Amino acid sequence: MSSPLIGRASTTSAPTTRLCAPQERLRHVLEPNGFNTLFLGLGAVGVASIMAISVLERRREIRLRRVLGAAKGQIRIQVLAEVIPLALAGGLVGSSSAPPPPGI
């Protein structure tokens, strides 16, 4: 008795992965849908909490800089200059390592 698969052509094909241009991938990453919005919100909360913890841990340093004459704007620029590159790097790594959306 022969196996039912012998001599038959396969009706299913192996899944294929299509490479897409960075602009197309970015368009799909920025497309508003439930998961993107959720993860973008979670990422924003994470960055905000890191900023808040950084400022709270450095209160003494910030007070000392204020006493020595630093303006609030200078301190704000310093804090943002530390956080923005981290946020951009995290966004770049996350969006480049994410699997493409279904249908691409």
N, C-alpha and C. Protein backbone atom coordinates (compact mmCIF):
# COMPACT_ATOMS: atom_id res chain seq x y z
N MET A 1 0.86 -1.17 0.00
CA MET A 1 0.00 0.00 0.00
C MET A 1 0.90 1.23 0.00
N SER A 2 0.59 2.15 -0.88
CA SER A 2 1.43 3.34 -1.00
C SER A 2 0.87 4.48 -0.15
N SER A 3 1.76 5.38 0.17
CA SER A 3 1.38 6.55 0.96
C SER A 3 0.52 7.49 0.11
N PRO A 4 -0.47 8.16 0.71
CA PRO A 4 -1.31 9.06 -0.07
C PRO A 4 -0.55 10.27 -0.63
N LEU A 5 0.63 10.55 -0.12
CA LEU A 5 1.38 11.72 -0.59
C LEU A 5 2.27 11.41 -1.78
N ILE A 6 2.52 10.13 -2.02
CA ILE A 6 3.42 9.77 -3.12
C ILE A 6 2.70 10.00 -4.44
N GLY A 7 3.35 10.65 -5.36
CA GLY A 7 2.81 10.88 -6.68
C GLY A 7 1.83 12.05 -6.76
N ARG A 8 1.63 12.77 -5.67
CA ARG A 8 0.74 13.93 -5.68
C ARG A 8 1.57 15.22 -5.60
N ALA A 9 1.11 16.19 -6.30
CA ALA A 9 1.75 17.50 -6.21
C ALA A 9 1.27 18.20 -4.94
N SER A 10 2.15 18.92 -4.32
CA SER A 10 1.79 19.65 -3.11
C SER A 10 0.90 20.84 -3.46
N THR A 11 -0.17 20.99 -2.71
CA THR A 11 -1.09 22.10 -2.97
C THR A 11 -0.76 23.33 -2.14
N THR A 12 0.10 23.18 -1.17
CA THR A 12 0.48 24.33 -0.35
C THR A 12 1.90 24.73 -0.70
N SER A 13 2.15 26.00 -0.64
CA SER A 13 3.51 26.49 -0.91
C SER A 13 4.13 26.95 0.40
N ALA A 14 5.43 26.95 0.43
CA ALA A 14 6.15 27.39 1.62
C ALA A 14 5.95 28.89 1.78
N PRO A 15 5.87 29.36 3.01
CA PRO A 15 5.71 30.81 3.22
C PRO A 15 6.94 31.55 2.72
N THR A 16 6.70 32.69 2.12
CA THR A 16 7.80 33.50 1.62
C THR A 16 7.85 34.82 2.37
N THR A 17 9.02 35.37 2.45
CA THR A 17 9.21 36.67 3.09
C THR A 17 9.65 37.66 2.03
N ARG A 18 8.92 38.76 1.96
CA ARG A 18 9.25 39.79 0.98
C ARG A 18 9.99 40.92 1.66
N LEU A 19 11.11 41.31 1.11
CA LEU A 19 11.84 42.45 1.65
C LEU A 19 11.20 43.72 1.13
N CYS A 20 11.15 44.74 1.98
CA CYS A 20 10.54 45.98 1.55
C CYS A 20 11.50 47.14 1.80
N ALA A 21 11.28 48.21 1.08
CA ALA A 21 12.11 49.40 1.20
C ALA A 21 11.90 50.04 2.57
N PRO A 22 12.90 50.73 3.10
CA PRO A 22 12.76 51.38 4.40
C PRO A 22 11.58 52.35 4.46
N GLN A 23 11.30 53.06 3.37
CA GLN A 23 10.18 54.01 3.37
C GLN A 23 8.86 53.27 3.52
N GLU A 24 8.73 52.13 2.86
CA GLU A 24 7.49 51.35 2.96
C GLU A 24 7.34 50.78 4.37
N ARG A 25 8.44 50.32 4.93
CA ARG A 25 8.41 49.77 6.29
C ARG A 25 8.04 50.87 7.29
N LEU A 26 8.63 52.05 7.13
CA LEU A 26 8.34 53.17 8.03
C LEU A 26 6.87 53.57 7.92
N ARG A 27 6.33 53.56 6.69
CA ARG A 27 4.92 53.90 6.52
C ARG A 27 4.03 52.93 7.29
N HIS A 28 4.37 51.64 7.27
CA HIS A 28 3.57 50.65 7.99
C HIS A 28 3.77 50.76 9.49
N VAL A 29 4.97 51.15 9.92
CA VAL A 29 5.22 51.31 11.35
C VAL A 29 4.43 52.49 11.89
N LEU A 30 4.35 53.57 11.11
CA LEU A 30 3.67 54.78 11.55
C LEU A 30 2.16 54.74 11.31
N GLU A 31 1.68 53.72 10.60
CA GLU A 31 0.26 53.59 10.32
C GLU A 31 -0.50 53.45 11.64
N PRO A 32 -1.53 54.26 11.85
CA PRO A 32 -2.24 54.15 13.12
C PRO A 32 -3.10 52.88 13.17
N ASN A 33 -2.78 52.02 14.09
CA ASN A 33 -3.63 50.87 14.38
C ASN A 33 -3.50 50.59 15.87
N GLY A 34 -4.22 49.65 16.37
CA GLY A 34 -4.26 49.41 17.81
C GLY A 34 -2.92 49.11 18.44
N PHE A 35 -2.16 48.19 17.84
CA PHE A 35 -0.90 47.78 18.44
C PHE A 35 0.13 48.90 18.39
N ASN A 36 0.25 49.57 17.24
CA ASN A 36 1.22 50.66 17.14
C ASN A 36 0.92 51.76 18.15
N THR A 37 -0.34 52.11 18.28
CA THR A 37 -0.72 53.16 19.21
C THR A 37 -0.43 52.73 20.65
N LEU A 38 -0.74 51.50 20.98
CA LEU A 38 -0.47 50.99 22.33
C LEU A 38 1.02 51.02 22.63
N PHE A 39 1.83 50.50 21.73
CA PHE A 39 3.26 50.44 21.98
C PHE A 39 3.91 51.81 21.96
N LEU A 40 3.41 52.71 21.13
CA LEU A 40 3.92 54.07 21.12
C LEU A 40 3.62 54.75 22.45
N GLY A 41 2.41 54.54 22.95
CA GLY A 41 2.05 55.10 24.26
C GLY A 41 2.89 54.53 25.38
N LEU A 42 3.10 53.21 25.36
CA LEU A 42 3.94 52.59 26.40
C LEU A 42 5.37 53.10 26.33
N GLY A 43 5.88 53.28 25.11
CA GLY A 43 7.23 53.81 24.96
C GLY A 43 7.34 55.24 25.48
N ALA A 44 6.31 56.05 25.21
CA ALA A 44 6.32 57.44 25.70
C ALA A 44 6.29 57.48 27.22
N VAL A 45 5.49 56.60 27.83
CA VAL A 45 5.44 56.55 29.29
C VAL A 45 6.79 56.12 29.85
N GLY A 46 7.45 55.17 29.18
CA GLY A 46 8.77 54.72 29.62
C GLY A 46 9.80 55.83 29.56
N VAL A 47 9.81 56.58 28.46
CA VAL A 47 10.77 57.69 28.33
C VAL A 47 10.48 58.76 29.37
N ALA A 48 9.20 59.06 29.60
CA ALA A 48 8.86 60.08 30.60
C ALA A 48 9.28 59.65 32.00
N SER A 49 9.11 58.36 32.31
CA SER A 49 9.51 57.89 33.65
C SER A 49 11.03 57.91 33.80
N ILE A 50 11.75 57.59 32.75
CA ILE A 50 13.22 57.65 32.82
C ILE A 50 13.66 59.09 33.04
N MET A 51 13.02 60.04 32.34
CA MET A 51 13.36 61.45 32.54
C MET A 51 13.08 61.88 33.97
N ALA A 52 11.92 61.49 34.50
CA ALA A 52 11.55 61.89 35.85
C ALA A 52 12.51 61.30 36.88
N ILE A 53 12.87 60.05 36.73
CA ILE A 53 13.80 59.43 37.67
C ILE A 53 15.17 60.08 37.58
N SER A 54 15.61 60.38 36.36
CA SER A 54 16.90 61.04 36.17
C SER A 54 16.93 62.39 36.89
N VAL A 55 15.87 63.15 36.75
CA VAL A 55 15.81 64.46 37.40
C VAL A 55 15.74 64.31 38.92
N LEU A 56 14.95 63.37 39.40
CA LEU A 56 14.83 63.17 40.85
C LEU A 56 16.15 62.74 41.47
N GLU A 57 16.90 61.88 40.78
CA GLU A 57 18.18 61.43 41.32
C GLU A 57 19.24 62.52 41.29
N ARG A 58 19.06 63.50 40.44
CA ARG A 58 20.07 64.54 40.29
C ARG A 58 19.64 65.89 40.86
N ARG A 59 18.72 65.87 41.81
CA ARG A 59 18.23 67.13 42.38
C ARG A 59 19.35 67.95 43.00
N ARG A 60 20.26 67.30 43.69
CA ARG A 60 21.35 68.05 44.33
C ARG A 60 22.21 68.74 43.27
N GLU A 61 22.54 68.01 42.23
CA GLU A 61 23.35 68.59 41.15
C GLU A 61 22.62 69.76 40.50
N ILE A 62 21.33 69.59 40.27
CA ILE A 62 20.54 70.65 39.64
C ILE A 62 20.47 71.88 40.55
N ARG A 63 20.26 71.65 41.85
CA ARG A 63 20.24 72.79 42.79
C ARG A 63 21.57 73.52 42.80
N LEU A 64 22.66 72.75 42.78
CA LEU A 64 23.99 73.36 42.80
C LEU A 64 24.20 74.19 41.53
N ARG A 65 23.80 73.66 40.40
CA ARG A 65 23.93 74.41 39.15
C ARG A 65 23.09 75.67 39.18
N ARG A 66 21.89 75.60 39.76
CA ARG A 66 21.04 76.80 39.87
C ARG A 66 21.69 77.84 40.77
N VAL A 67 22.29 77.40 41.89
CA VAL A 67 22.95 78.34 42.80
C VAL A 67 24.15 78.99 42.11
N LEU A 68 24.83 78.23 41.26
CA LEU A 68 26.00 78.76 40.56
C LEU A 68 25.63 79.62 39.35
N GLY A 69 24.32 79.72 39.04
CA GLY A 69 23.90 80.65 38.02
C GLY A 69 23.32 80.04 36.74
N ALA A 70 23.11 78.75 36.72
CA ALA A 70 22.53 78.15 35.50
C ALA A 70 21.05 78.49 35.42
N ALA A 71 20.60 78.83 34.24
CA ALA A 71 19.18 79.14 34.04
C ALA A 71 18.38 77.85 33.92
N LYS A 72 17.07 77.94 34.19
CA LYS A 72 16.21 76.76 34.08
C LYS A 72 16.26 76.18 32.66
N GLY A 73 16.33 77.05 31.68
CA GLY A 73 16.38 76.60 30.29
C GLY A 73 17.64 75.79 29.99
N GLN A 74 18.77 76.18 30.59
CA GLN A 74 20.01 75.43 30.38
C GLN A 74 19.92 74.03 30.97
N ILE A 75 19.31 73.95 32.14
CA ILE A 75 19.16 72.65 32.79
C ILE A 75 18.18 71.78 31.99
N ARG A 76 17.11 72.39 31.51
CA ARG A 76 16.14 71.66 30.70
C ARG A 76 16.80 71.11 29.43
N ILE A 77 17.63 71.94 28.78
CA ILE A 77 18.33 71.51 27.57
C ILE A 77 19.27 70.35 27.88
N GLN A 78 19.95 70.40 29.03
CA GLN A 78 20.87 69.32 29.40
C GLN A 78 20.11 68.01 29.59
N VAL A 79 18.98 68.05 30.29
CA VAL A 79 18.20 66.84 30.53
C VAL A 79 17.67 66.29 29.21
N LEU A 80 17.14 67.15 28.35
CA LEU A 80 16.62 66.69 27.07
C LEU A 80 17.73 66.17 26.16
N ALA A 81 18.91 66.77 26.23
CA ALA A 81 20.04 66.31 25.42
C ALA A 81 20.49 64.91 25.84
N GLU A 82 20.22 64.52 27.07
CA GLU A 82 20.55 63.17 27.51
C GLU A 82 19.47 62.17 27.14
N VAL A 83 18.22 62.59 27.15
CA VAL A 83 17.10 61.66 26.95
C VAL A 83 16.76 61.46 25.47
N ILE A 84 16.78 62.51 24.68
CA ILE A 84 16.35 62.41 23.28
C ILE A 84 17.20 61.42 22.48
N PRO A 85 18.53 61.42 22.59
CA PRO A 85 19.29 60.40 21.83
C PRO A 85 18.93 58.97 22.25
N LEU A 86 18.68 58.75 23.55
CA LEU A 86 18.29 57.42 23.99
C LEU A 86 16.94 57.02 23.40
N ALA A 87 16.00 57.95 23.39
CA ALA A 87 14.68 57.66 22.83
C ALA A 87 14.78 57.38 21.33
N LEU A 88 15.56 58.17 20.61
CA LEU A 88 15.72 57.95 19.17
C LEU A 88 16.39 56.61 18.88
N ALA A 89 17.43 56.29 19.65
CA ALA A 89 18.11 55.01 19.46
C ALA A 89 17.17 53.84 19.74
N GLY A 90 16.39 53.95 20.80
CA GLY A 90 15.43 52.90 21.12
C GLY A 90 14.37 52.74 20.05
N GLY A 91 13.88 53.85 19.52
CA GLY A 91 12.90 53.80 18.45
C GLY A 91 13.46 53.20 17.19
N LEU A 92 14.71 53.54 16.87
CA LEU A 92 15.36 52.99 15.68
C LEU A 92 15.56 51.49 15.81
N VAL A 93 16.07 51.05 16.95
CA VAL A 93 16.30 49.62 17.16
C VAL A 93 14.97 48.87 17.15
N GLY A 94 13.97 49.43 17.82
CA GLY A 94 12.67 48.77 17.88
C GLY A 94 12.00 48.66 16.54
N SER A 95 12.02 49.74 15.76
CA SER A 95 11.33 49.70 14.46
C SER A 95 12.11 48.88 13.44
N SER A 96 13.43 48.81 13.57
CA SER A 96 14.19 48.01 12.60
C SER A 96 14.16 46.53 12.93
N SER A 97 13.94 46.18 14.19
CA SER A 97 13.93 44.76 14.55
C SER A 97 12.52 44.19 14.60
N ALA A 98 11.51 45.01 14.44
CA ALA A 98 10.13 44.52 14.47
C ALA A 98 9.82 43.75 13.19
N PRO A 99 9.04 42.69 13.32
CA PRO A 99 8.68 41.96 12.10
C PRO A 99 7.73 42.80 11.25
N PRO A 100 7.77 42.61 9.94
CA PRO A 100 6.87 43.39 9.08
C PRO A 100 5.42 43.02 9.34
N PRO A 101 4.52 43.96 9.14
CA PRO A 101 3.10 43.67 9.34
C PRO A 101 2.61 42.59 8.37
N PRO A 102 1.55 41.89 8.72
CA PRO A 102 1.03 40.86 7.82
C PRO A 102 0.64 41.45 6.47
N GLY A 103 0.89 40.71 5.44
CA GLY A 103 0.52 41.16 4.10
C GLY A 103 1.66 41.82 3.34
N ILE A 104 2.80 41.95 3.97
CA ILE A 104 3.94 42.58 3.28
C ILE A 104 4.91 41.49 2.88
